[in-house]
Amino acid sequence: MKHIVTVQDAVTAFAGFMEPTAAELDAIEREMPVVLADVDLLDAYIVTLDRTPTELDARRIRRARRRALAARVALLNRTAPASLPGGAA
């Protein structure tokens, strides 16, 4: 008869190493406006799934698209100078 043992010690032994670093948390914080804008855009699409979109729905989707695009542009503008090689602007 074989004994079944848990592997909890093996799984939780590396828990300290599995936590996000400060740099990863900072990156998440910088990207959060993009994530929230994308969620708003998805919400606008979800509202129209079970019906024909009205003019108000279409406006809501357009506004959400513009906010999502603006959030992405803002993120790229903040990170672009640091990511270009050779100091090119």
PDB file of N, CA and C in Angstrom:
ATOM      1  N   MET A   1       0.835  -1.177   0.000  1.00  0.00           N
ATOM      2  CA  MET A   1       0.000   0.000   0.000  1.00  0.00           C
ATOM      3  C   MET A   1       0.882   1.244   0.000  1.00  0.00           C
ATOM      4  N   LYS A   2       0.563   2.165  -0.887  1.00  0.00           N
ATOM      5  CA  LYS A   2       1.345   3.398  -0.981  1.00  0.00           C
ATOM      6  C   LYS A   2       0.715   4.461  -0.095  1.00  0.00           C
ATOM      7  N   HIS A   3       1.574   5.240   0.515  1.00  0.00           N
ATOM      8  CA  HIS A   3       1.094   6.350   1.336  1.00  0.00           C
ATOM      9  C   HIS A   3       1.016   7.604   0.477  1.00  0.00           C
ATOM     10  N   ILE A   4      -0.061   8.303   0.612  1.00  0.00           N
ATOM     11  CA  ILE A   4      -0.233   9.570  -0.102  1.00  0.00           C
ATOM     12  C   ILE A   4       0.170  10.679   0.852  1.00  0.00           C
ATOM     13  N   VAL A   5       1.131  11.477   0.423  1.00  0.00           N
ATOM     14  CA  VAL A   5       1.596  12.581   1.264  1.00  0.00           C
ATOM     15  C   VAL A   5       1.336  13.886   0.536  1.00  0.00           C
ATOM     16  N   THR A   6       1.252  14.936   1.293  1.00  0.00           N
ATOM     17  CA  THR A   6       1.027  16.242   0.686  1.00  0.00           C
ATOM     18  C   THR A   6       2.356  16.836   0.253  1.00  0.00           C
ATOM     19  N   VAL A   7       2.275  17.712  -0.693  1.00  0.00           N
ATOM     20  CA  VAL A   7       3.471  18.395  -1.171  1.00  0.00           C
ATOM     21  C   VAL A   7       3.431  19.865  -0.773  1.00  0.00           C
ATOM     22  N   GLN A   8       2.717  20.161   0.289  1.00  0.00           N
ATOM     23  CA  GLN A   8       2.569  21.555   0.701  1.00  0.00           C
ATOM     24  C   GLN A   8       3.911  22.174   1.057  1.00  0.00           C
ATOM     25  N   ASP A   9       4.762  21.431   1.732  1.00  0.00           N
ATOM     26  CA  ASP A   9       6.065  21.992   2.084  1.00  0.00           C
ATOM     27  C   ASP A   9       6.864  22.350   0.845  1.00  0.00           C
ATOM     28  N   ALA A  10       6.803  21.523  -0.167  1.00  0.00           N
ATOM     29  CA  ALA A  10       7.532  21.812  -1.393  1.00  0.00           C
ATOM     30  C   ALA A  10       6.930  23.006  -2.130  1.00  0.00           C
ATOM     31  N   VAL A  11       5.625  23.158  -2.059  1.00  0.00           N
ATOM     32  CA  VAL A  11       4.961  24.258  -2.754  1.00  0.00           C
ATOM     33  C   VAL A  11       5.178  25.575  -2.030  1.00  0.00           C
ATOM     34  N   THR A  12       5.041  25.577  -0.727  1.00  0.00           N
ATOM     35  CA  THR A  12       5.147  26.825   0.023  1.00  0.00           C
ATOM     36  C   THR A  12       6.575  27.177   0.409  1.00  0.00           C
ATOM     37  N   ALA A  13       7.521  26.310   0.124  1.00  0.00           N
ATOM     38  CA  ALA A  13       8.904  26.609   0.483  1.00  0.00           C
ATOM     39  C   ALA A  13       9.431  27.801  -0.308  1.00  0.00           C
ATOM     40  N   PHE A  14       8.910  28.025  -1.500  1.00  0.00           N
ATOM     41  CA  PHE A  14       9.391  29.108  -2.342  1.00  0.00           C
ATOM     42  C   PHE A  14       8.453  30.307  -2.339  1.00  0.00           C
ATOM     43  N   ALA A  15       7.550  30.401  -1.382  1.00  0.00           N
ATOM     44  CA  ALA A  15       6.566  31.476  -1.369  1.00  0.00           C
ATOM     45  C   ALA A  15       7.230  32.846  -1.298  1.00  0.00           C
ATOM     46  N   GLY A  16       8.334  32.970  -0.577  1.00  0.00           N
ATOM     47  CA  GLY A  16       9.028  34.247  -0.484  1.00  0.00           C
ATOM     48  C   GLY A  16       9.580  34.706  -1.814  1.00  0.00           C
ATOM     49  N   PHE A  17       9.969  33.759  -2.648  1.00  0.00           N
ATOM     50  CA  PHE A  17      10.529  34.097  -3.951  1.00  0.00           C
ATOM     51  C   PHE A  17       9.444  34.364  -4.982  1.00  0.00           C
ATOM     52  N   MET A  18       8.236  33.995  -4.693  1.00  0.00           N
ATOM     53  CA  MET A  18       7.163  34.120  -5.666  1.00  0.00           C
ATOM     54  C   MET A  18       6.436  35.452  -5.572  1.00  0.00           C
ATOM     55  N   GLU A  19       6.768  36.265  -4.615  1.00  0.00           N
ATOM     56  CA  GLU A  19       6.124  37.568  -4.453  1.00  0.00           C
ATOM     57  C   GLU A  19       6.633  38.523  -5.530  1.00  0.00           C
ATOM     58  N   PRO A  20       5.786  39.447  -5.997  1.00  0.00           N
ATOM     59  CA  PRO A  20       6.259  40.411  -6.993  1.00  0.00           C
ATOM     60  C   PRO A  20       7.283  41.363  -6.389  1.00  0.00           C
ATOM     61  N   THR A  21       8.220  41.752  -7.207  1.00  0.00           N
ATOM     62  CA  THR A  21       9.246  42.687  -6.749  1.00  0.00           C
ATOM     63  C   THR A  21       8.674  44.106  -6.743  1.00  0.00           C
ATOM     64  N   ALA A  22       9.417  45.008  -6.168  1.00  0.00           N
ATOM     65  CA  ALA A  22       8.986  46.404  -6.133  1.00  0.00           C
ATOM     66  C   ALA A  22       8.902  46.975  -7.548  1.00  0.00           C
ATOM     67  N   ALA A  23       9.812  46.573  -8.421  1.00  0.00           N
ATOM     68  CA  ALA A  23       9.782  47.052  -9.808  1.00  0.00           C
ATOM     69  C   ALA A  23       8.535  46.546 -10.532  1.00  0.00           C
ATOM     70  N   GLU A  24       8.160  45.296 -10.284  1.00  0.00           N
ATOM     71  CA  GLU A  24       6.954  44.752 -10.907  1.00  0.00           C
ATOM     72  C   GLU A  24       5.703  45.456 -10.394  1.00  0.00           C
ATOM     73  N   LEU A  25       5.657  45.740  -9.108  1.00  0.00           N
ATOM     74  CA  LEU A  25       4.516  46.464  -8.552  1.00  0.00           C
ATOM     75  C   LEU A  25       4.432  47.882  -9.108  1.00  0.00           C
ATOM     76  N   ASP A  26       5.580  48.517  -9.298  1.00  0.00           N
ATOM     77  CA  ASP A  26       5.598  49.859  -9.901  1.00  0.00           C
ATOM     78  C   ASP A  26       5.096  49.818 -11.340  1.00  0.00           C
ATOM     79  N   ALA A  27       5.484  48.783 -12.086  1.00  0.00           N
ATOM     80  CA  ALA A  27       5.021  48.641 -13.469  1.00  0.00           C
ATOM     81  C   ALA A  27       3.510  48.448 -13.520  1.00  0.00           C
ATOM     82  N   ILE A  28       2.987  47.667 -12.595  1.00  0.00           N
ATOM     83  CA  ILE A  28       1.533  47.462 -12.526  1.00  0.00           C
ATOM     84  C   ILE A  28       0.839  48.779 -12.215  1.00  0.00           C
ATOM     85  N   GLU A  29       1.402  49.528 -11.295  1.00  0.00           N
ATOM     86  CA  GLU A  29       0.828  50.829 -10.924  1.00  0.00           C
ATOM     87  C   GLU A  29       0.813  51.791 -12.113  1.00  0.00           C
ATOM     88  N   ARG A  30       1.894  51.794 -12.909  1.00  0.00           N
ATOM     89  CA  ARG A  30       1.954  52.668 -14.089  1.00  0.00           C
ATOM     90  C   ARG A  30       0.936  52.253 -15.147  1.00  0.00           C
ATOM     91  N   GLU A  31       0.687  50.956 -15.275  1.00  0.00           N
ATOM     92  CA  GLU A  31      -0.223  50.452 -16.304  1.00  0.00           C
ATOM     93  C   GLU A  31      -1.690  50.431 -15.865  1.00  0.00           C
ATOM     94  N   MET A  32      -1.973  50.731 -14.618  1.00  0.00           N
ATOM     95  CA  MET A  32      -3.338  50.640 -14.103  1.00  0.00           C
ATOM     96  C   MET A  32      -4.330  51.545 -14.848  1.00  0.00           C
ATOM     97  N   PRO A  33      -3.995  52.782 -15.242  1.00  0.00           N
ATOM     98  CA  PRO A  33      -4.968  53.575 -16.015  1.00  0.00           C
ATOM     99  C   PRO A  33      -5.358  52.909 -17.339  1.00  0.00           C
ATOM    100  N   VAL A  34      -4.420  52.228 -17.982  1.00  0.00           N
ATOM    101  CA  VAL A  34      -4.728  51.520 -19.226  1.00  0.00           C
ATOM    102  C   VAL A  34      -5.678  50.362 -18.940  1.00  0.00           C
ATOM    103  N   VAL A  35      -5.409  49.634 -17.886  1.00  0.00           N
ATOM    104  CA  VAL A  35      -6.260  48.495 -17.523  1.00  0.00           C
ATOM    105  C   VAL A  35      -7.678  48.965 -17.211  1.00  0.00           C
ATOM    106  N   LEU A  36      -7.804  50.023 -16.444  1.00  0.00           N
ATOM    107  CA  LEU A  36      -9.130  50.533 -16.090  1.00  0.00           C
ATOM    108  C   LEU A  36      -9.879  51.066 -17.305  1.00  0.00           C
ATOM    109  N   ALA A  37      -9.155  51.722 -18.220  1.00  0.00           N
ATOM    110  CA  ALA A  37      -9.798  52.205 -19.449  1.00  0.00           C
ATOM    111  C   ALA A  37     -10.267  51.037 -20.305  1.00  0.00           C
ATOM    112  N   ASP A  38      -9.482  49.976 -20.365  1.00  0.00           N
ATOM    113  CA  ASP A  38      -9.893  48.789 -21.120  1.00  0.00           C
ATOM    114  C   ASP A  38     -11.114  48.121 -20.486  1.00  0.00           C
ATOM    115  N   VAL A  39     -11.174  48.130 -19.168  1.00  0.00           N
ATOM    116  CA  VAL A  39     -12.344  47.571 -18.480  1.00  0.00           C
ATOM    117  C   VAL A  39     -13.592  48.383 -18.814  1.00  0.00           C
ATOM    118  N   ASP A  40     -13.467  49.706 -18.840  1.00  0.00           N
ATOM    119  CA  ASP A  40     -14.599  50.556 -19.221  1.00  0.00           C
ATOM    120  C   ASP A  40     -15.053  50.269 -20.654  1.00  0.00           C
ATOM    121  N   LEU A  41     -14.092  50.056 -21.544  1.00  0.00           N
ATOM    122  CA  LEU A  41     -14.434  49.733 -22.932  1.00  0.00           C
ATOM    123  C   LEU A  41     -15.154  48.385 -23.010  1.00  0.00           C
ATOM    124  N   LEU A  42     -14.674  47.415 -22.284  1.00  0.00           N
ATOM    125  CA  LEU A  42     -15.355  46.115 -22.257  1.00  0.00           C
ATOM    126  C   LEU A  42     -16.752  46.229 -21.678  1.00  0.00           C
ATOM    127  N   ASP A  43     -16.913  47.038 -20.643  1.00  0.00           N
ATOM    128  CA  ASP A  43     -18.247  47.258 -20.076  1.00  0.00           C
ATOM    129  C   ASP A  43     -19.195  47.859 -21.114  1.00  0.00           C
ATOM    130  N   ALA A  44     -18.680  48.792 -21.895  1.00  0.00           N
ATOM    131  CA  ALA A  44     -19.517  49.407 -22.933  1.00  0.00           C
ATOM    132  C   ALA A  44     -19.928  48.378 -23.969  1.00  0.00           C
ATOM    133  N   TYR A  45     -19.013  47.486 -24.334  1.00  0.00           N
ATOM    134  CA  TYR A  45     -19.364  46.430 -25.287  1.00  0.00           C
ATOM    135  C   TYR A  45     -20.346  45.428 -24.688  1.00  0.00           C
ATOM    136  N   ILE A  46     -20.151  45.069 -23.437  1.00  0.00           N
ATOM    137  CA  ILE A  46     -21.008  44.073 -22.788  1.00  0.00           C
ATOM    138  C   ILE A  46     -22.451  44.546 -22.725  1.00  0.00           C
ATOM    139  N   VAL A  47     -22.647  45.830 -22.495  1.00  0.00           N
ATOM    140  CA  VAL A  47     -24.008  46.381 -22.419  1.00  0.00           C
ATOM    141  C   VAL A  47     -24.764  46.137 -23.718  1.00  0.00           C
ATOM    142  N   THR A  48     -24.050  46.137 -24.839  1.00  0.00           N
ATOM    143  CA  THR A  48     -24.719  46.020 -26.137  1.00  0.00           C
ATOM    144  C   THR A  48     -24.788  44.587 -26.663  1.00  0.00           C
ATOM    145  N   LEU A  49     -24.370  43.622 -25.887  1.00  0.00           N
ATOM    146  CA  LEU A  49     -24.351  42.247 -26.380  1.00  0.00           C
ATOM    147  C   LEU A  49     -25.742  41.685 -26.666  1.00  0.00           C
ATOM    148  N   ASP A  50     -26.693  41.978 -25.831  1.00  0.00           N
ATOM    149  CA  ASP A  50     -28.010  41.346 -25.974  1.00  0.00           C
ATOM    150  C   ASP A  50     -29.055  42.241 -26.636  1.00  0.00           C
ATOM    151  N   ARG A  51     -28.600  43.354 -27.211  1.00  0.00           N
ATOM    152  CA  ARG A  51     -29.560  44.234 -27.884  1.00  0.00           C
ATOM    153  C   ARG A  51     -28.869  45.004 -28.993  1.00  0.00           C
ATOM    154  N   THR A  52     -29.658  45.621 -29.816  1.00  0.00           N
ATOM    155  CA  THR A  52     -29.115  46.480 -30.858  1.00  0.00           C
ATOM    156  C   THR A  52     -28.626  47.773 -30.211  1.00  0.00           C
ATOM    157  N   PRO A  53     -27.388  48.165 -30.485  1.00  0.00           N
ATOM    158  CA  PRO A  53     -26.871  49.383 -29.844  1.00  0.00           C
ATOM    159  C   PRO A  53     -27.653  50.632 -30.259  1.00  0.00           C
ATOM    160  N   THR A  54     -27.968  51.441 -29.279  1.00  0.00           N
ATOM    161  CA  THR A  54     -28.629  52.714 -29.546  1.00  0.00           C
ATOM    162  C   THR A  54     -27.563  53.772 -29.819  1.00  0.00           C
ATOM    163  N   GLU A  55     -28.003  54.971 -30.147  1.00  0.00           N
ATOM    164  CA  GLU A  55     -27.062  56.069 -30.365  1.00  0.00           C
ATOM    165  C   GLU A  55     -26.290  56.364 -29.080  1.00  0.00           C
ATOM    166  N   LEU A  56     -26.952  56.275 -27.952  1.00  0.00           N
ATOM    167  CA  LEU A  56     -26.281  56.488 -26.662  1.00  0.00           C
ATOM    168  C   LEU A  56     -25.208  55.419 -26.430  1.00  0.00           C
ATOM    169  N   ASP A  57     -25.520  54.162 -26.757  1.00  0.00           N
ATOM    170  CA  ASP A  57     -24.536  53.088 -26.619  1.00  0.00           C
ATOM    171  C   ASP A  57     -23.329  53.339 -27.532  1.00  0.00           C
ATOM    172  N   ALA A  58     -23.599  53.766 -28.751  1.00  0.00           N
ATOM    173  CA  ALA A  58     -22.512  54.034 -29.694  1.00  0.00           C
ATOM    174  C   ALA A  58     -21.612  55.157 -29.175  1.00  0.00           C
ATOM    175  N   ARG A  59     -22.217  56.194 -28.603  1.00  0.00           N
ATOM    176  CA  ARG A  59     -21.419  57.285 -28.025  1.00  0.00           C
ATOM    177  C   ARG A  59     -20.588  56.793 -26.853  1.00  0.00           C
ATOM    178  N   ARG A  60     -21.184  55.942 -26.032  1.00  0.00           N
ATOM    179  CA  ARG A  60     -20.463  55.411 -24.874  1.00  0.00           C
ATOM    180  C   ARG A  60     -19.264  54.584 -25.335  1.00  0.00           C
ATOM    181  N   ILE A  61     -19.436  53.781 -26.377  1.00  0.00           N
ATOM    182  CA  ILE A  61     -18.339  52.975 -26.900  1.00  0.00           C
ATOM    183  C   ILE A  61     -17.250  53.868 -27.485  1.00  0.00           C
ATOM    184  N   ARG A  62     -17.654  54.899 -28.241  1.00  0.00           N
ATOM    185  CA  ARG A  62     -16.655  55.807 -28.810  1.00  0.00           C
ATOM    186  C   ARG A  62     -15.857  56.518 -27.724  1.00  0.00           C
ATOM    187  N   ARG A  63     -16.554  56.990 -26.682  1.00  0.00           N
ATOM    188  CA  ARG A  63     -15.852  57.655 -25.574  1.00  0.00           C
ATOM    189  C   ARG A  63     -14.899  56.696 -24.878  1.00  0.00           C
ATOM    190  N   ALA A  64     -15.346  55.472 -24.665  1.00  0.00           N
ATOM    191  CA  ALA A  64     -14.497  54.479 -24.003  1.00  0.00           C
ATOM    192  C   ALA A  64     -13.283  54.139 -24.860  1.00  0.00           C
ATOM    193  N   ARG A  65     -13.469  54.049 -26.177  1.00  0.00           N
ATOM    194  CA  ARG A  65     -12.333  53.808 -27.076  1.00  0.00           C
ATOM    195  C   ARG A  65     -11.332  54.953 -26.997  1.00  0.00           C
ATOM    196  N   ARG A  66     -11.847  56.188 -27.005  1.00  0.00           N
ATOM    197  CA  ARG A  66     -10.942  57.346 -26.926  1.00  0.00           C
ATOM    198  C   ARG A  66     -10.188  57.366 -25.605  1.00  0.00           C
ATOM    199  N   ARG A  67     -10.883  57.040 -24.491  1.00  0.00           N
ATOM    200  CA  ARG A  67     -10.200  57.014 -23.195  1.00  0.00           C
ATOM    201  C   ARG A  67      -9.134  55.920 -23.156  1.00  0.00           C
ATOM    202  N   ALA A  68      -9.439  54.752 -23.723  1.00  0.00           N
ATOM    203  CA  ALA A  68      -8.469  53.660 -23.745  1.00  0.00           C
ATOM    204  C   ALA A  68      -7.252  54.042 -24.584  1.00  0.00           C
ATOM    205  N   LEU A  69      -7.500  54.653 -25.730  1.00  0.00           N
ATOM    206  CA  LEU A  69      -6.391  55.080 -26.575  1.00  0.00           C
ATOM    207  C   LEU A  69      -5.569  56.170 -25.898  1.00  0.00           C
ATOM    208  N   ALA A  70      -6.232  57.117 -25.265  1.00  0.00           N
ATOM    209  CA  ALA A  70      -5.520  58.197 -24.573  1.00  0.00           C
ATOM    210  C   ALA A  70      -4.678  57.646 -23.422  1.00  0.00           C
ATOM    211  N   ALA A  71      -5.197  56.649 -22.707  1.00  0.00           N
ATOM    212  CA  ALA A  71      -4.434  56.043 -21.615  1.00  0.00           C
ATOM    213  C   ALA A  71      -3.204  55.330 -22.152  1.00  0.00           C
ATOM    214  N   ARG A  72      -3.347  54.643 -23.278  1.00  0.00           N
ATOM    215  CA  ARG A  72      -2.196  53.961 -23.888  1.00  0.00           C
ATOM    216  C   ARG A  72      -1.150  54.970 -24.372  1.00  0.00           C
ATOM    217  N   VAL A  73      -1.602  56.049 -24.982  1.00  0.00           N
ATOM    218  CA  VAL A  73      -0.673  57.080 -25.459  1.00  0.00           C
ATOM    219  C   VAL A  73       0.053  57.720 -24.279  1.00  0.00           C
ATOM    220  N   ALA A  74      -0.673  58.002 -23.211  1.00  0.00           N
ATOM    221  CA  ALA A  74      -0.052  58.596 -22.029  1.00  0.00           C
ATOM    222  C   ALA A  74       1.000  57.664 -21.441  1.00  0.00           C
ATOM    223  N   LEU A  75       0.702  56.370 -21.400  1.00  0.00           N
ATOM    224  CA  LEU A  75       1.672  55.406 -20.879  1.00  0.00           C
ATOM    225  C   LEU A  75       2.904  55.354 -21.772  1.00  0.00           C
ATOM    226  N   LEU A  76       2.692  55.321 -23.077  1.00  0.00           N
ATOM    227  CA  LEU A  76       3.833  55.292 -23.988  1.00  0.00           C
ATOM    228  C   LEU A  76       4.662  56.561 -23.905  1.00  0.00           C
ATOM    229  N   ASN A  77       4.011  57.701 -23.755  1.00  0.00           N
ATOM    230  CA  ASN A  77       4.753  58.962 -23.645  1.00  0.00           C
ATOM    231  C   ASN A  77       5.578  59.025 -22.372  1.00  0.00           C
ATOM    232  N   ARG A  78       5.094  58.398 -21.303  1.00  0.00           N
ATOM    233  CA  ARG A  78       5.860  58.388 -20.049  1.00  0.00           C
ATOM    234  C   ARG A  78       7.046  57.443 -20.122  1.00  0.00           C
ATOM    235  N   THR A  79       6.911  56.331 -20.856  1.00  0.00           N
ATOM    236  CA  THR A  79       7.961  55.321 -20.874  1.00  0.00           C
ATOM    237  C   THR A  79       8.849  55.376 -22.088  1.00  0.00           C
ATOM    238  N   ALA A  80       8.493  56.088 -23.139  1.00  0.00           N
ATOM    239  CA  ALA A  80       9.240  56.087 -24.393  1.00  0.00           C
ATOM    240  C   ALA A  80      10.665  56.636 -24.241  1.00  0.00           C
ATOM    241  N   PRO A  81      10.900  57.771 -23.596  1.00  0.00           N
ATOM    242  CA  PRO A  81      12.260  58.286 -23.529  1.00  0.00           C
ATOM    243  C   PRO A  81      13.223  57.324 -22.830  1.00  0.00           C
ATOM    244  N   ALA A  82      12.752  56.597 -21.874  1.00  0.00           N
ATOM    245  CA  ALA A  82      13.623  55.675 -21.145  1.00  0.00           C
ATOM    246  C   ALA A  82      13.888  54.408 -21.951  1.00  0.00           C
ATOM    247  N   SER A  83      13.026  54.086 -22.913  1.00  0.00           N
ATOM    248  CA  SER A  83      13.181  52.831 -23.626  1.00  0.00           C
ATOM    249  C   SER A  83      13.881  52.962 -24.972  1.00  0.00           C
ATOM    250  N   LEU A  84      14.136  54.177 -25.449  1.00  0.00           N
ATOM    251  CA  LEU A  84      14.793  54.355 -26.729  1.00  0.00           C
ATOM    252  C   LEU A  84      16.315  54.195 -26.557  1.00  0.00           C
ATOM    253  N   PRO A  85      16.939  53.392 -27.410  1.00  0.00           N
ATOM    254  CA  PRO A  85      18.388  53.207 -27.279  1.00  0.00           C
ATOM    255  C   PRO A  85      19.156  54.410 -27.805  1.00  0.00           C
ATOM    256  N   GLY A  86      20.298  54.653 -27.225  1.00  0.00           N
ATOM    257  CA  GLY A  86      21.168  55.708 -27.729  1.00  0.00           C
ATOM    258  C   GLY A  86      20.737  57.107 -27.400  1.00  0.00           C
ATOM    259  N   GLY A  87      19.729  57.275 -26.570  1.00  0.00           N
ATOM    260  CA  GLY A  87      19.269  58.600 -26.191  1.00  0.00           C
ATOM    261  C   GLY A  87      18.501  59.320 -27.275  1.00  0.00           C
ATOM    262  N   ALA A  88      18.068  58.604 -28.307  1.00  0.00           N
ATOM    263  CA  ALA A  88      17.286  59.238 -29.369  1.00  0.00           C
ATOM    264  C   ALA A  88      15.907  59.597 -28.855  1.00  0.00           C
ATOM    265  N   ALA A  89      15.385  60.698 -29.330  1.00  0.00           N
ATOM    266  CA  ALA A  89      14.065  61.120 -28.879  1.00  0.00           C
ATOM    267  C   ALA A  89      13.025  60.882 -29.912  1.00  0.00           C
TER     268      ALA A  89
END
